[in-house]
Amino acid sequence: MAAADQPLAIRAGGVTVLGVGGDGPGVPDSDGSMTAPSSRGTAIRTGISTADREALAVLLSVHGMGPLTLARLVGGLGSPAMILDVAGRSDAEKELVAASVDPEGTSRAMPKVVATAIIEAAGRRAAILADVERSKLRVVALGDPDYPSRLVAIEIPPPALFVRGTLAPLAAKHVVAVVGTRKPSPAGRRIASRIATALGRAGATVVSGLAIGIDGAAHAACVADGAPTIAFIGGGHAALFPRAHDRLADAVVDGGGAVVSEYAPRTEPTRGTFPQRNRLISGASDAVVVIEAGARSGALVTASWALEQGRECFLVPGSIDAPASAGCNGFLRDWPGLARIVSGVPQLLDDLGLMGSAGLVGVADPRDPDHPVPISPTIDLPSAAAVLTGRDEAQHRVAHALLRGATTVDELVAVTTLSVVGVLGALTRLEAGGLVRANRGRYEPLGSLAAAPAAPAVTAASAAPPASKRAAQGGPSTYRTEVQAVLRSRP
């Protein structure tokens, strides 16, 4: 039976009670054991009350409260709100432990320490809900009308989501995840920006994990191009990780997207929360695109979730000598016929059904669905010249040099013939415009500049030293070799 034809209680992991999906494989119960989903199920109710929604927010702040434990408690006591009511009684601990026992005997009762934590959380209800309000979050419970429909169909849907922004972009006809390593090459970052920009222009919503690297490049490209994007994070909103992406998170929300977590606001991210977060990235999407992933990259976990959830999976191949591409290359080898290769941006859009075989299709723009937008088979990405319109000559020189592969101030000085002060001034203005970012003493294109194809030559090539002229004519690796030659030749 196809997943879409299965009863909701089965698809959501077996136990579905008032917005609470049962645990599935790989999700620990309150006692730390891995418990198989129960075979019993109760039809989900819609129109969840405010009291139940607030109770879910409080209960999900309790350490050790997994979906299965929560489902058993709801099944035994009637609703999330009733759990908090019981927590206020004199014999609360005994009642809560008794209510957590599976009638079928397939799971142990929850530990008393979890019952104690529920009682403590009930006593801090006002403070916990104040955290939610302070973080400008909405609690969207499984069963609410705006709960993402694609997530409902996965095996372990979160009982509730903590949302800053709007989930509307996840209702688009096409939703595609773009993920990858936290330590991408400059080329990998540019590919991520181009793919994300092309997807947004084709009417798809881009989903990612707000991490440093490929994830951040994908989100930033969408924001720069005015396309909504959705970020799933691996901890609570009040413990946002990485902190370096505070501004990017704000821009995602301001751009008509959302930052989403299944964790209460003050939940600290851990090594265990990120793989669980990854199942939401893939589950909320129709397909996952991986751009650069090392052999042990978390992006491969997302790719694995995609295959398990029946989503399409695409990977950008790379050099066999590049550590950042080892994971992608290996995944393509290990999953022939399931994992698909990305051979180009137009080809990817075609594979995703975002372009017709004739190469010109009218697709609905989610921001204006009544007016189709024609998509060219060559994908009209922003040119560097268009992105830099209105900026001075120094910024043009520095931006083009960055696109060609220069990364340090010394390299930029060598190939632009600008002074150190001139380069630093241009970099400051480009950073302020969201087009460049500093990363441990090196600089790289960002947003719409990163999505732009590299210029055929450095703007000031005619004024540059001979070696720089030769560098301007080659690819990034040749360019960097020539730049180093220029630096070595200087006194």
Protein backbone atom coordinates (compact mmCIF):
# COMPACT_ATOMS: atom_id res chain seq x y z
CA MET A 1 0.00 0.00 0.00
CA ALA A 2 1.41 3.38 -0.94
CA ALA A 3 2.27 5.74 1.93
CA ALA A 4 -0.29 8.28 0.76
CA ASP A 5 -3.03 5.61 0.87
CA GLN A 6 -2.22 4.34 4.36
CA PRO A 7 -4.29 5.41 7.38
CA LEU A 8 -2.84 8.48 9.03
CA ALA A 9 -2.32 6.63 12.31
CA ILE A 10 -0.06 4.12 10.54
CA ARG A 11 1.84 6.67 8.49
CA ALA A 12 2.53 8.80 11.57
CA GLY A 13 4.17 5.93 13.40
CA GLY A 14 1.29 3.94 14.82
CA VAL A 15 0.07 6.18 17.64
CA THR A 16 -1.64 9.40 16.69
CA VAL A 17 -3.55 11.06 19.50
CA LEU A 18 -4.49 14.74 19.42
CA GLY A 19 -1.52 15.84 17.38
CA VAL A 20 0.95 13.39 18.92
CA GLY A 21 2.73 10.94 16.60
CA GLY A 22 4.25 7.78 17.99
CA ASP A 23 7.96 7.05 18.13
CA GLY A 24 9.55 5.19 15.27
CA PRO A 25 12.91 3.52 14.81
CA GLY A 26 15.82 5.63 15.97
CA VAL A 27 13.83 7.87 18.34
CA PRO A 28 14.55 7.16 22.02
CA ASP A 29 11.78 6.72 24.56
CA SER A 30 11.97 8.38 27.97
CA ASP A 31 14.00 5.48 29.35
CA GLY A 32 16.52 5.75 26.52
CA SER A 33 15.46 2.53 24.82
CA MET A 34 14.47 2.26 21.19
CA THR A 35 10.87 1.10 21.11
CA ALA A 36 9.06 -0.08 18.01
CA PRO A 37 5.92 1.81 17.04
CA SER A 38 2.73 0.51 18.58
CA SER A 39 0.19 -1.12 16.33
CA ARG A 40 -2.72 0.68 17.92
CA GLY A 41 -3.84 4.06 16.66
CA THR A 42 -6.41 6.73 17.23
CA ALA A 43 -7.60 9.03 14.46
CA ILE A 44 -6.13 12.48 14.69
CA ARG A 45 -8.38 15.34 15.71
CA THR A 46 -8.25 18.72 14.07
CA GLY A 47 -9.07 22.05 15.60
CA ILE A 48 -6.74 21.63 18.61
CA SER A 49 -7.64 23.89 21.53
CA THR A 50 -5.42 26.70 22.77
CA ALA A 51 -5.06 24.90 26.11
CA ASP A 52 -3.79 21.73 24.42
CA ARG A 53 -1.44 23.68 22.17
CA GLU A 54 0.04 25.51 25.15
CA ALA A 55 0.29 22.23 27.06
CA LEU A 56 2.28 20.72 24.19
CA ALA A 57 4.72 23.64 24.36
CA VAL A 58 5.23 22.99 28.07
CA LEU A 59 5.52 19.21 27.76
CA LEU A 60 8.01 19.36 24.88
CA SER A 61 10.35 21.34 27.15
CA VAL A 62 10.69 18.25 29.39
CA HIS A 63 13.92 16.31 28.89
CA GLY A 64 13.10 12.68 28.09
CA MET A 65 9.65 13.42 26.72
CA GLY A 66 9.70 11.55 23.42
CA PRO A 67 6.72 11.32 21.07
CA LEU A 68 5.90 7.77 22.21
CA THR A 69 5.84 8.70 25.91
CA LEU A 70 3.74 11.75 25.13
CA ALA A 71 1.35 9.66 23.02
CA ARG A 72 0.88 7.13 25.84
CA LEU A 73 0.21 9.89 28.35
CA VAL A 74 -2.33 11.52 26.06
CA GLY A 75 -3.94 8.14 25.44
CA GLY A 76 -4.16 7.46 29.16
CA LEU A 77 -5.28 10.89 30.35
CA GLY A 78 -7.21 12.24 27.35
CA SER A 79 -5.29 15.34 26.21
CA PRO A 80 -2.05 17.31 26.68
CA ALA A 81 -3.93 19.80 28.88
CA MET A 82 -5.07 16.97 31.15
CA ILE A 83 -1.46 15.88 31.64
CA LEU A 84 -0.68 19.29 33.15
CA ASP A 85 -3.83 19.16 35.24
CA VAL A 86 -2.77 15.81 36.70
CA ALA A 87 0.74 17.22 37.29
CA GLY A 88 -0.77 19.65 39.79
CA ARG A 89 -2.27 16.95 42.03
CA SER A 90 -0.79 15.67 45.27
CA ASP A 91 -0.18 12.17 43.89
CA ALA A 92 0.88 13.45 40.43
CA GLU A 93 4.02 11.36 40.11
CA LYS A 94 2.19 8.08 40.71
CA GLU A 95 -0.66 8.99 38.33
CA LEU A 96 1.67 10.10 35.55
CA VAL A 97 3.82 6.96 35.74
CA ALA A 98 0.68 4.78 35.71
CA ALA A 99 -0.75 6.66 32.71
CA SER A 100 2.48 6.11 30.75
CA VAL A 101 2.15 2.32 30.83
CA ASP A 102 1.31 0.88 27.43
CA PRO A 103 -1.91 -1.17 27.80
CA GLU A 104 -0.51 -3.67 25.34
CA GLY A 105 2.63 -4.11 27.41
CA THR A 106 5.05 -3.33 24.56
CA SER A 107 6.82 -0.52 26.44
CA ARG A 108 7.96 0.14 30.00
CA ALA A 109 6.48 2.93 32.09
CA MET A 110 8.40 6.18 31.97
CA PRO A 111 11.01 6.73 34.72
CA LYS A 112 9.96 8.66 37.79
CA VAL A 113 12.54 11.32 36.92
CA VAL A 114 10.55 12.20 33.80
CA ALA A 115 7.33 12.37 35.82
CA THR A 116 9.10 14.71 38.25
CA ALA A 117 10.28 16.84 35.33
CA ILE A 118 6.69 17.08 34.03
CA ILE A 119 5.54 18.27 37.46
CA GLU A 120 8.30 20.87 37.56
CA ALA A 121 7.48 22.04 34.04
CA ALA A 122 3.81 22.38 34.95
CA GLY A 123 4.86 24.65 37.80
CA ARG A 124 6.88 26.76 35.37
CA ARG A 125 4.14 26.86 32.76
CA ALA A 126 3.92 30.66 32.69
CA ALA A 127 7.69 31.08 32.31
CA ILE A 128 7.89 28.46 29.54
CA LEU A 129 5.05 30.07 27.58
CA ALA A 130 6.67 33.48 28.14
CA ASP A 131 9.82 32.08 26.47
CA VAL A 132 7.73 31.09 23.47
CA GLU A 133 6.18 34.55 23.26
CA ARG A 134 9.50 36.32 23.85
CA SER A 135 11.03 34.41 20.94
CA LYS A 136 8.08 35.48 18.74
CA LEU A 137 7.10 31.87 18.12
CA ARG A 138 3.87 30.15 17.18
CA VAL A 139 3.19 26.59 18.29
CA VAL A 140 1.80 24.63 15.35
CA ALA A 141 0.51 21.24 16.47
CA LEU A 142 0.13 18.11 14.38
CA GLY A 143 -3.49 18.39 13.32
CA ASP A 144 -3.50 22.18 12.93
CA PRO A 145 -4.49 23.35 9.43
CA ASP A 146 -1.10 24.97 8.78
CA TYR A 147 0.97 21.98 9.90
CA PRO A 148 3.07 21.06 6.81
CA SER A 149 1.24 18.33 4.90
CA ARG A 150 4.46 16.66 3.74
CA LEU A 151 5.61 16.25 7.35
CA VAL A 152 2.32 14.60 8.31
CA ALA A 153 3.22 11.75 5.95
CA ILE A 154 6.62 10.90 7.49
CA GLU A 155 7.01 8.10 9.99
CA ILE A 156 7.79 10.28 13.01
CA PRO A 157 6.09 13.68 12.61
CA PRO A 158 6.83 16.06 15.49
CA PRO A 159 3.89 16.53 17.89
CA ALA A 160 4.31 20.27 17.42
CA LEU A 161 6.56 22.79 15.70
CA PHE A 162 7.89 26.03 17.15
CA VAL A 163 7.70 28.48 14.25
CA ARG A 164 9.05 31.98 13.71
CA GLY A 165 7.65 33.31 10.46
CA THR A 166 5.17 31.68 8.11
CA LEU A 167 4.93 28.05 6.99
CA ALA A 168 3.00 29.04 3.85
CA PRO A 169 5.99 28.43 1.50
CA LEU A 170 5.93 24.74 2.50
CA ALA A 171 2.54 24.47 0.82
CA ALA A 172 4.11 25.26 -2.57
CA LYS A 173 3.75 22.71 -5.34
CA HIS A 174 7.51 22.11 -5.32
CA VAL A 175 9.70 22.11 -2.19
CA VAL A 176 13.37 21.20 -2.51
CA ALA A 177 16.01 20.84 0.18
CA VAL A 178 19.54 22.09 -0.54
CA VAL A 179 22.15 20.85 1.95
CA GLY A 180 25.86 20.16 2.21
CA THR A 181 29.06 20.46 4.18
CA ARG A 182 29.80 23.15 6.76
CA LYS A 183 33.23 23.61 5.16
CA PRO A 184 32.53 24.07 1.44
CA SER A 185 34.97 25.10 -1.22
CA PRO A 186 34.36 28.50 -2.85
CA ALA A 187 33.08 26.62 -5.91
CA GLY A 188 30.69 24.58 -3.78
CA ARG A 189 29.30 27.70 -2.16
CA ARG A 190 28.73 29.29 -5.57
CA ILE A 191 27.01 26.14 -6.89
CA ALA A 192 24.70 26.14 -3.86
CA SER A 193 23.83 29.78 -4.50
CA ARG A 194 23.13 29.17 -8.18
CA ILE A 195 20.97 26.12 -7.54
CA ALA A 196 19.00 27.84 -4.77
CA THR A 197 18.48 30.94 -6.91
CA ALA A 198 17.35 28.87 -9.90
CA LEU A 199 14.95 26.85 -7.75
CA GLY A 200 13.45 30.00 -6.27
CA ARG A 201 13.01 31.57 -9.70
CA ALA A 202 11.32 28.38 -10.89
CA GLY A 203 8.72 28.72 -8.14
CA ALA A 204 10.09 26.09 -5.74
CA THR A 205 10.57 26.68 -2.02
CA VAL A 206 14.11 25.99 -0.83
CA VAL A 207 14.51 24.22 2.53
CA SER A 208 17.77 23.86 4.44
CA GLY A 209 19.28 23.73 7.93
CA LEU A 210 20.70 27.25 8.52
CA ALA A 211 24.15 25.74 9.15
CA ILE A 212 27.40 27.44 8.21
CA GLY A 213 28.48 26.52 4.69
CA ILE A 214 26.22 25.15 1.96
CA ASP A 215 23.03 25.60 4.00
CA GLY A 216 23.77 29.24 4.70
CA ALA A 217 24.71 29.90 1.07
CA ALA A 218 21.39 28.45 -0.12
CA HIS A 219 19.33 30.50 2.33
CA ALA A 220 21.30 33.68 1.61
CA ALA A 221 20.85 33.29 -2.14
CA CYS A 222 17.08 32.97 -1.75
CA VAL A 223 16.91 35.97 0.56
CA ALA A 224 19.00 38.05 -1.83
CA ASP A 225 16.73 37.12 -4.73
CA GLY A 226 13.49 37.77 -2.84
CA ALA A 227 12.40 34.12 -2.72
CA PRO A 228 10.99 32.63 0.52
CA THR A 229 13.03 29.90 2.19
CA ILE A 230 12.48 27.64 5.22
CA ALA A 231 15.17 26.81 7.80
CA PHE A 232 14.89 23.85 10.18
CA ILE A 233 17.21 24.19 13.18
CA GLY A 234 18.65 21.52 15.47
CA GLY A 235 17.87 23.18 18.80
CA GLY A 236 15.59 25.72 20.39
CA HIS A 237 15.12 29.21 18.99
CA ALA A 238 16.54 30.83 22.14
CA ALA A 239 19.66 28.66 21.73
CA LEU A 240 20.06 29.32 17.99
CA PHE A 241 23.06 27.59 16.47
CA PRO A 242 25.16 28.85 14.85
CA ARG A 243 25.03 32.30 16.45
CA ALA A 244 26.80 33.64 13.38
CA HIS A 245 23.53 33.19 11.49
CA ASP A 246 21.37 35.36 13.75
CA ARG A 247 21.05 37.99 11.03
CA LEU A 248 20.45 35.40 8.33
CA ALA A 249 17.65 33.88 10.43
CA ASP A 250 16.06 37.32 10.73
CA ALA A 251 16.39 37.81 6.97
CA VAL A 252 14.76 34.43 6.28
CA VAL A 253 11.75 35.43 8.39
CA ASP A 254 11.59 38.97 6.97
CA GLY A 255 11.75 37.49 3.46
CA GLY A 256 8.48 35.60 3.87
CA GLY A 257 9.93 32.32 5.13
CA ALA A 258 10.34 30.74 8.53
CA VAL A 259 12.81 29.33 11.03
CA VAL A 260 11.34 26.10 12.45
CA SER A 261 12.22 23.75 15.31
CA GLU A 262 10.59 20.76 16.96
CA TYR A 263 12.39 21.69 20.18
CA ALA A 264 11.29 24.06 22.95
CA PRO A 265 12.98 27.50 22.84
CA ARG A 266 15.72 26.83 25.41
CA THR A 267 16.70 23.35 24.17
CA GLU A 268 20.45 23.31 23.53
CA PRO A 269 21.49 21.63 20.27
CA THR A 270 23.49 18.41 20.61
CA ARG A 271 25.07 15.86 18.31
CA GLY A 272 21.84 13.87 18.59
CA THR A 273 19.41 16.66 17.74
CA PHE A 274 20.87 17.42 14.32
CA PRO A 275 20.23 13.98 12.73
CA GLN A 276 16.63 14.21 13.97
CA ARG A 277 16.41 17.72 12.52
CA ASN A 278 17.64 16.35 9.20
CA ARG A 279 14.61 14.05 8.90
CA LEU A 280 12.43 17.19 8.91
CA ILE A 281 14.49 18.86 6.18
CA SER A 282 13.97 15.88 3.89
CA GLY A 283 10.45 15.13 5.11
CA ALA A 284 9.22 18.66 4.39
CA SER A 285 10.58 18.43 0.83
CA ASP A 286 9.89 16.58 -2.39
CA ALA A 287 13.59 16.16 -3.13
CA VAL A 288 16.98 16.70 -1.51
CA VAL A 289 20.00 18.13 -3.33
CA VAL A 290 23.40 17.56 -1.70
CA ILE A 291 26.25 19.86 -2.73
CA GLU A 292 29.63 18.83 -1.33
CA ALA A 293 29.60 16.40 1.59
CA GLY A 294 32.54 14.69 3.23
CA ALA A 295 32.54 10.98 3.95
CA ARG A 296 30.96 11.55 7.39
CA SER A 297 28.91 14.64 6.61
CA GLY A 298 25.53 15.17 8.23
CA ALA A 299 24.22 16.04 4.77
CA LEU A 300 24.46 12.33 3.95
CA VAL A 301 22.13 11.65 6.88
CA THR A 302 19.63 13.96 5.21
CA ALA A 303 20.13 12.09 1.93
CA SER A 304 19.54 8.77 3.69
CA TRP A 305 16.36 10.10 5.29
CA ALA A 306 15.23 11.24 1.83
CA LEU A 307 15.54 7.73 0.41
CA GLU A 308 13.81 6.20 3.44
CA GLN A 309 10.95 8.70 3.18
CA GLY A 310 10.49 8.13 -0.54
CA ARG A 311 11.89 11.51 -1.57
CA GLU A 312 14.08 12.06 -4.61
CA CYS A 313 17.78 12.47 -3.89
CA PHE A 314 20.28 14.36 -6.06
CA LEU A 315 24.00 14.80 -5.44
CA VAL A 316 26.56 17.05 -7.08
CA PRO A 317 29.63 14.95 -7.97
CA GLY A 318 33.15 16.24 -7.50
CA SER A 319 36.78 15.37 -8.00
CA ILE A 320 37.85 12.02 -6.58
CA ASP A 321 40.69 13.89 -4.86
CA ALA A 322 38.41 16.41 -3.13
CA PRO A 323 37.57 15.43 0.50
CA ALA A 324 34.48 17.67 0.36
CA SER A 325 33.08 15.53 -2.48
CA ALA A 326 33.96 12.10 -1.08
CA GLY A 327 30.55 11.65 0.52
CA CYS A 328 28.61 12.66 -2.58
CA ASN A 329 30.68 10.44 -4.85
CA GLY A 330 30.39 7.49 -2.46
CA PHE A 331 26.63 7.92 -2.05
CA LEU A 332 26.16 7.95 -5.83
CA ARG A 333 28.17 4.74 -6.03
CA ASP A 334 26.38 3.00 -3.16
CA TRP A 335 22.83 3.85 -4.24
CA PRO A 336 22.70 3.48 -8.04
CA GLY A 337 19.24 4.03 -9.42
CA LEU A 338 18.07 5.82 -6.27
CA ALA A 339 20.61 8.62 -5.85
CA ARG A 340 20.76 10.77 -8.97
CA ILE A 341 23.57 12.89 -10.32
CA VAL A 342 23.33 16.65 -10.82
CA SER A 343 24.81 17.26 -14.25
CA GLY A 344 23.80 20.92 -14.48
CA VAL A 345 21.30 23.43 -13.13
CA PRO A 346 18.91 23.24 -16.12
CA GLN A 347 19.08 19.44 -16.05
CA LEU A 348 18.28 19.45 -12.32
CA LEU A 349 15.23 21.64 -12.85
CA ASP A 350 14.10 19.34 -15.64
CA ASP A 351 14.54 16.27 -13.41
CA LEU A 352 12.49 17.98 -10.71
CA GLY A 353 9.65 18.71 -13.12
CA LEU A 354 10.30 22.43 -13.07
CA MET A 355 10.94 22.61 -16.82
CA GLY A 356 9.11 20.97 -19.71
CA SER A 357 10.82 18.88 -22.35
CA ALA A 358 10.55 21.82 -24.73
CA GLY A 359 12.59 23.93 -22.34
CA LEU A 360 10.03 26.69 -21.74
CA VAL A 361 7.36 26.25 -19.13
CA GLY A 362 5.06 28.64 -17.31
CA VAL A 363 5.27 27.91 -13.58
CA ALA A 364 3.38 29.58 -10.78
CA ASP A 365 5.32 32.06 -8.69
CA PRO A 366 4.26 31.43 -5.05
CA ARG A 367 4.30 35.19 -4.51
CA ASP A 368 1.91 35.75 -7.44
CA PRO A 369 0.33 32.37 -8.36
CA ASP A 370 -2.07 33.83 -10.92
CA HIS A 371 0.72 34.95 -13.25
CA PRO A 372 2.94 32.21 -14.73
CA VAL A 373 6.64 32.93 -14.99
CA PRO A 374 8.49 31.60 -18.06
CA ILE A 375 11.61 29.59 -17.25
CA SER A 376 14.40 29.60 -19.80
CA PRO A 377 16.28 26.36 -20.49
CA THR A 378 19.51 28.25 -19.83
CA ILE A 379 18.31 29.68 -16.46
CA ASP A 380 18.59 33.44 -16.29
CA LEU A 381 20.76 33.82 -13.19
CA PRO A 382 21.85 37.30 -12.10
CA SER A 383 25.06 38.47 -13.75
CA ALA A 384 27.85 39.97 -11.68
CA ALA A 385 27.44 43.23 -13.60
CA ALA A 386 23.75 43.38 -12.68
CA VAL A 387 24.43 42.59 -9.03
CA LEU A 388 27.12 45.29 -8.85
CA THR A 389 25.08 47.99 -10.60
CA GLY A 390 25.64 51.35 -8.96
CA ARG A 391 28.83 50.34 -7.16
CA ASP A 392 32.19 52.00 -7.73
CA GLU A 393 35.12 50.66 -9.73
CA ALA A 394 37.00 49.38 -6.68
CA GLN A 395 34.04 47.22 -5.63
CA HIS A 396 33.74 45.88 -9.19
CA ARG A 397 37.41 44.91 -9.24
CA VAL A 398 37.31 43.22 -5.84
CA ALA A 399 34.02 41.41 -6.54
CA HIS A 400 35.22 40.02 -9.87
CA ALA A 401 38.51 38.95 -8.29
CA LEU A 402 36.61 37.08 -5.57
CA LEU A 403 34.49 35.33 -8.21
CA ARG A 404 37.63 34.26 -10.00
CA GLY A 405 39.10 32.68 -6.85
CA ALA A 406 41.08 35.28 -4.89
CA THR A 407 40.34 35.05 -1.17
CA THR A 408 42.83 37.02 0.93
CA VAL A 409 43.57 40.74 1.08
CA ASP A 410 47.09 40.11 -0.29
CA GLU A 411 45.67 38.23 -3.27
CA LEU A 412 43.08 40.92 -3.92
CA VAL A 413 45.74 43.64 -3.80
CA ALA A 414 47.92 41.65 -6.19
CA VAL A 415 45.30 41.16 -8.87
CA THR A 416 43.28 44.38 -8.65
CA THR A 417 46.26 46.84 -8.43
CA LEU A 418 44.35 48.59 -5.64
CA SER A 419 46.06 49.61 -2.41
CA VAL A 420 45.42 47.69 0.80
CA VAL A 421 43.23 50.57 1.98
CA GLY A 422 41.31 50.50 -1.31
CA VAL A 423 40.70 46.73 -1.09
CA LEU A 424 39.61 46.88 2.55
CA GLY A 425 37.26 49.77 1.81
CA ALA A 426 35.68 47.90 -1.10
CA LEU A 427 35.32 44.76 1.00
CA THR A 428 33.63 46.73 3.79
CA ARG A 429 31.10 48.21 1.38
CA LEU A 430 30.42 44.83 -0.26
CA GLU A 431 29.98 43.21 3.16
CA ALA A 432 27.53 45.92 4.19
CA GLY A 433 25.54 45.15 1.03
CA GLY A 434 25.38 41.43 1.86
CA LEU A 435 27.52 40.47 -1.13
CA VAL A 436 30.70 39.35 0.64
CA ARG A 437 31.52 37.67 3.94
CA ALA A 438 34.72 37.25 5.92
CA ASN A 439 35.63 33.75 7.04
CA ARG A 440 38.75 33.32 9.16
CA GLY A 441 40.81 35.90 7.35
CA ARG A 442 39.52 35.00 3.90
CA TYR A 443 36.71 36.54 1.89
CA GLU A 444 34.09 34.88 -0.28
CA PRO A 445 31.09 35.97 -2.36
CA LEU A 446 27.70 35.84 -0.69
CA GLY A 447 24.05 35.94 -1.75
CA SER A 448 23.31 37.13 -5.27
CA LEU A 449 27.00 37.74 -5.97
CA ALA A 450 27.80 34.11 -5.17
CA ALA A 451 25.02 33.03 -7.54
CA ALA A 452 26.52 35.03 -10.39
CA PRO A 453 28.76 33.22 -12.90
CA ALA A 454 32.40 34.19 -12.67
CA ALA A 455 33.34 37.04 -14.98
CA PRO A 456 35.48 36.15 -18.01
CA ALA A 457 38.13 38.56 -16.83
CA VAL A 458 39.01 40.78 -13.91
CA THR A 459 37.66 44.28 -14.51
CA ALA A 460 41.05 45.91 -14.21
CA ALA A 461 43.00 43.22 -16.03
CA SER A 462 44.45 45.73 -18.44
CA ALA A 463 46.00 47.63 -15.57
CA ALA A 464 47.16 44.54 -13.70
CA PRO A 465 50.62 42.92 -13.86
CA PRO A 466 51.17 40.43 -16.71
CA ALA A 467 50.74 37.41 -14.44
CA SER A 468 47.36 38.74 -13.35
CA LYS A 469 46.32 39.09 -16.99
CA ARG A 470 47.11 35.44 -17.51
CA ALA A 471 45.29 34.54 -14.31
CA ALA A 472 42.19 36.39 -15.46
CA GLN A 473 41.90 34.10 -18.46
CA GLY A 474 41.97 30.79 -16.59
CA GLY A 475 39.65 29.00 -14.19
CA PRO A 476 39.73 29.47 -10.40
CA SER A 477 42.56 26.96 -9.80
CA THR A 478 44.72 28.49 -12.55
CA TYR A 479 43.83 31.92 -11.26
CA ARG A 480 44.96 31.12 -7.72
CA THR A 481 48.22 29.64 -9.02
CA GLU A 482 48.96 32.81 -10.95
CA VAL A 483 47.96 35.00 -8.00
CA GLN A 484 50.44 33.15 -5.82
CA ALA A 485 53.09 33.69 -8.48
CA VAL A 486 52.40 37.42 -8.37
CA LEU A 487 52.71 37.44 -4.58
CA ARG A 488 55.98 35.52 -4.67
CA SER A 489 57.43 37.91 -7.23
CA ARG A 490 56.80 40.94 -5.04
CA PRO A 491 59.74 42.26 -2.99
